Amino acid sequence: QVQLVESGGGLVQAGGSLRLSCASSISTFNFADIGWYRQVPGKERVSVAVTSTGGRTNYADSVKGRFTISRDNNKHTVYLQMNSLKPEDTAVYYCNAHTTWDTRAYWGQGTQVTVSS
């Protein structure tokens, strides 16, 4: 069974940094893609950064140049380094993955990121 567990959220001042981690119960080699989404109350969950097979990455325009997604396949973990944080980055951040053998989307439980002005 695939399980994703996020950590690293918290409260930070604007301009600060946080690093989120997403630990997987299976090797990240099994994922066709894995990445981060975020959601604020009353709005849809949106993609922030995704890394796919072959090393391709995609970022939301709002985070380009500030956020970096990376993966450590040996540790079964994907990271989201968030720099120059803004109050509008405040959200619950979710890890999401699709395996190479089915189309199901796997989600973590989410981690809260709050950026104060």
C-alpha atoms as a PDB file:
ATOM      1  CA  GLN A   1       0.000   0.000   0.000  1.00  0.00           C
ATOM      2  CA  VAL A   2       1.292   3.427  -0.911  1.00  0.00           C
ATOM      3  CA  GLN A   3       1.505   5.918   1.914  1.00  0.00           C
ATOM      4  CA  LEU A   4       2.788   9.468   1.756  1.00  0.00           C
ATOM      5  CA  VAL A   5       3.642  11.414   4.898  1.00  0.00           C
ATOM      6  CA  GLU A   6       4.414  15.111   4.804  1.00  0.00           C
ATOM      7  CA  SER A   7       6.403  17.055   7.358  1.00  0.00           C
ATOM      8  CA  GLY A   8       8.205  20.355   7.704  1.00  0.00           C
ATOM      9  CA  GLY A   9       5.336  22.818   7.747  1.00  0.00           C
ATOM     10  CA  GLY A  10       5.078  25.604  10.261  1.00  0.00           C
ATOM     11  CA  LEU A  11       4.921  29.323  10.874  1.00  0.00           C
ATOM     12  CA  VAL A  12       7.492  31.583   9.221  1.00  0.00           C
ATOM     13  CA  GLN A  13       7.835  35.273   8.565  1.00  0.00           C
ATOM     14  CA  ALA A  14       7.625  36.683   5.070  1.00  0.00           C
ATOM     15  CA  GLY A  15      10.951  36.336   3.319  1.00  0.00           C
ATOM     16  CA  GLY A  16      11.837  33.217   5.263  1.00  0.00           C
ATOM     17  CA  SER A  17      12.316  29.636   4.160  1.00  0.00           C
ATOM     18  CA  LEU A  18      10.911  26.206   4.884  1.00  0.00           C
ATOM     19  CA  ARG A  19      11.644  22.763   3.550  1.00  0.00           C
ATOM     20  CA  LEU A  20       8.816  20.291   3.259  1.00  0.00           C
ATOM     21  CA  SER A  21       9.419  16.563   3.110  1.00  0.00           C
ATOM     22  CA  CYS A  22       7.240  13.823   1.705  1.00  0.00           C
ATOM     23  CA  ALA A  23       8.253  10.355   2.830  1.00  0.00           C
ATOM     24  CA  SER A  24       6.935   7.474   0.772  1.00  0.00           C
ATOM     25  CA  SER A  25       6.292   3.906   1.931  1.00  0.00           C
ATOM     26  CA  ILE A  26       7.649   2.621  -1.378  1.00  0.00           C
ATOM     27  CA  SER A  27      10.597   3.557  -3.494  1.00  0.00           C
ATOM     28  CA  THR A  28      10.107   6.791  -5.393  1.00  0.00           C
ATOM     29  CA  PHE A  29      11.318   4.926  -8.461  1.00  0.00           C
ATOM     30  CA  ASN A  30       7.775   3.517  -8.557  1.00  0.00           C
ATOM     31  CA  PHE A  31       6.239   6.906  -9.225  1.00  0.00           C
ATOM     32  CA  ALA A  32       5.576   8.204 -12.702  1.00  0.00           C
ATOM     33  CA  ASP A  33       5.282  11.597 -11.061  1.00  0.00           C
ATOM     34  CA  ILE A  34       5.312  13.000  -7.563  1.00  0.00           C
ATOM     35  CA  GLY A  35       4.874  16.520  -6.350  1.00  0.00           C
ATOM     36  CA  TRP A  36       3.257  19.125  -4.191  1.00  0.00           C
ATOM     37  CA  TYR A  37      -0.152  20.766  -4.221  1.00  0.00           C
ATOM     38  CA  ARG A  38      -1.588  23.384  -1.915  1.00  0.00           C
ATOM     39  CA  GLN A  39      -5.024  24.406  -0.817  1.00  0.00           C
ATOM     40  CA  VAL A  40      -6.505  27.332   1.047  1.00  0.00           C
ATOM     41  CA  PRO A  41      -9.987  27.252   2.600  1.00  0.00           C
ATOM     42  CA  GLY A  42     -12.738  27.706   0.071  1.00  0.00           C
ATOM     43  CA  LYS A  43     -10.486  27.184  -2.939  1.00  0.00           C
ATOM     44  CA  GLU A  44      -9.440  24.273  -5.102  1.00  0.00           C
ATOM     45  CA  ARG A  45      -6.263  22.348  -4.516  1.00  0.00           C
ATOM     46  CA  VAL A  46      -3.666  23.519  -7.027  1.00  0.00           C
ATOM     47  CA  SER A  47      -0.371  22.185  -8.256  1.00  0.00           C
ATOM     48  CA  VAL A  48       2.764  23.840  -6.932  1.00  0.00           C
ATOM     49  CA  ALA A  49       5.615  21.679  -8.195  1.00  0.00           C
ATOM     50  CA  VAL A  50       5.789  18.252  -9.798  1.00  0.00           C
ATOM     51  CA  THR A  51       8.702  16.076 -10.825  1.00  0.00           C
ATOM     52  CA  SER A  52       8.237  13.322 -13.381  1.00  0.00           C
ATOM     53  CA  THR A  53      10.158  10.365 -14.722  1.00  0.00           C
ATOM     54  CA  GLY A  54      13.280  11.521 -16.448  1.00  0.00           C
ATOM     55  CA  GLY A  55      13.757  14.460 -14.142  1.00  0.00           C
ATOM     56  CA  ARG A  56      11.238  16.792 -15.713  1.00  0.00           C
ATOM     57  CA  THR A  57       9.846  19.388 -13.332  1.00  0.00           C
ATOM     58  CA  ASN A  58       6.956  21.796 -13.529  1.00  0.00           C
ATOM     59  CA  TYR A  59       6.295  24.742 -11.273  1.00  0.00           C
ATOM     60  CA  ALA A  60       3.350  27.025 -10.803  1.00  0.00           C
ATOM     61  CA  ASP A  61       4.146  30.479 -12.135  1.00  0.00           C
ATOM     62  CA  SER A  62       3.608  31.933  -8.671  1.00  0.00           C
ATOM     63  CA  VAL A  63       6.496  29.946  -7.183  1.00  0.00           C
ATOM     64  CA  LYS A  64       9.016  29.848 -10.024  1.00  0.00           C
ATOM     65  CA  GLY A  65      12.412  31.030  -8.866  1.00  0.00           C
ATOM     66  CA  ARG A  66      11.466  30.630  -5.197  1.00  0.00           C
ATOM     67  CA  PHE A  67      10.547  26.964  -4.754  1.00  0.00           C
ATOM     68  CA  THR A  68      12.601  23.920  -5.714  1.00  0.00           C
ATOM     69  CA  ILE A  69      11.399  20.326  -5.818  1.00  0.00           C
ATOM     70  CA  SER A  70      13.884  17.507  -5.436  1.00  0.00           C
ATOM     71  CA  ARG A  71      13.827  13.816  -4.725  1.00  0.00           C
ATOM     72  CA  ASP A  72      16.109  11.464  -2.848  1.00  0.00           C
ATOM     73  CA  ASN A  73      15.324   8.022  -4.215  1.00  0.00           C
ATOM     74  CA  ASN A  74      17.531   6.340  -1.625  1.00  0.00           C
ATOM     75  CA  LYS A  75      15.463   7.864   1.174  1.00  0.00           C
ATOM     76  CA  HIS A  76      12.115   7.469  -0.635  1.00  0.00           C
ATOM     77  CA  THR A  77      11.568  11.160  -0.041  1.00  0.00           C
ATOM     78  CA  VAL A  78      10.618  14.199  -2.061  1.00  0.00           C
ATOM     79  CA  TYR A  79      11.376  17.694  -0.845  1.00  0.00           C
ATOM     80  CA  LEU A  80      10.035  21.145  -1.510  1.00  0.00           C
ATOM     81  CA  GLN A  81      12.473  23.900  -0.644  1.00  0.00           C
ATOM     82  CA  MET A  82      10.546  27.127  -0.266  1.00  0.00           C
ATOM     83  CA  ASN A  83      12.462  30.394  -0.184  1.00  0.00           C
ATOM     84  CA  SER A  84      11.378  34.031  -0.130  1.00  0.00           C
ATOM     85  CA  LEU A  85       8.038  32.994   1.280  1.00  0.00           C
ATOM     86  CA  LYS A  86       5.087  35.335   0.954  1.00  0.00           C
ATOM     87  CA  PRO A  87       1.849  35.535   2.937  1.00  0.00           C
ATOM     88  CA  GLU A  88       0.016  34.290  -0.147  1.00  0.00           C
ATOM     89  CA  ASP A  89       1.961  31.028   0.124  1.00  0.00           C
ATOM     90  CA  THR A  90      -0.036  30.248   3.258  1.00  0.00           C
ATOM     91  CA  ALA A  91      -1.905  26.994   2.672  1.00  0.00           C
ATOM     92  CA  VAL A  92      -2.065  23.334   3.496  1.00  0.00           C
ATOM     93  CA  TYR A  93       0.530  21.590   1.358  1.00  0.00           C
ATOM     94  CA  TYR A  94      -0.138  18.071   0.124  1.00  0.00           C
ATOM     95  CA  CYS A  95       2.135  15.501  -1.401  1.00  0.00           C
ATOM     96  CA  ASN A  96       0.692  13.737  -4.447  1.00  0.00           C
ATOM     97  CA  ALA A  97       1.936  10.832  -6.508  1.00  0.00           C
ATOM     98  CA  HIS A  98       0.951   8.539  -9.343  1.00  0.00           C
ATOM     99  CA  THR A  99       2.521   5.116  -9.583  1.00  0.00           C
ATOM    100  CA  THR A 100       3.802   3.595 -12.798  1.00  0.00           C
ATOM    101  CA  TRP A 101       1.231   0.794 -12.688  1.00  0.00           C
ATOM    102  CA  ASP A 102      -2.134   2.511 -12.188  1.00  0.00           C
ATOM    103  CA  THR A 103      -3.854   5.866 -12.605  1.00  0.00           C
ATOM    104  CA  ARG A 104      -4.836   6.331  -8.983  1.00  0.00           C
ATOM    105  CA  ALA A 105      -3.669   9.508  -7.279  1.00  0.00           C
ATOM    106  CA  TYR A 106      -2.140   9.024  -3.850  1.00  0.00           C
ATOM    107  CA  TRP A 107      -2.240  11.846  -1.311  1.00  0.00           C
ATOM    108  CA  GLY A 108      -0.616  12.597   1.983  1.00  0.00           C
ATOM    109  CA  GLN A 109      -2.469  14.074   4.931  1.00  0.00           C
ATOM    110  CA  GLY A 110      -1.136  17.582   4.397  1.00  0.00           C
ATOM    111  CA  THR A 111       1.053  19.971   6.332  1.00  0.00           C
ATOM    112  CA  GLN A 112       0.160  23.551   7.218  1.00  0.00           C
ATOM    113  CA  VAL A 113       2.390  26.387   6.081  1.00  0.00           C
ATOM    114  CA  THR A 114       1.651  29.821   7.474  1.00  0.00           C
ATOM    115  CA  VAL A 115       3.581  32.896   6.364  1.00  0.00           C
ATOM    116  CA  SER A 116       3.122  36.004   8.466  1.00  0.00           C
ATOM    117  CA  SER A 117       3.554  39.493   7.078  1.00  0.00           C
END
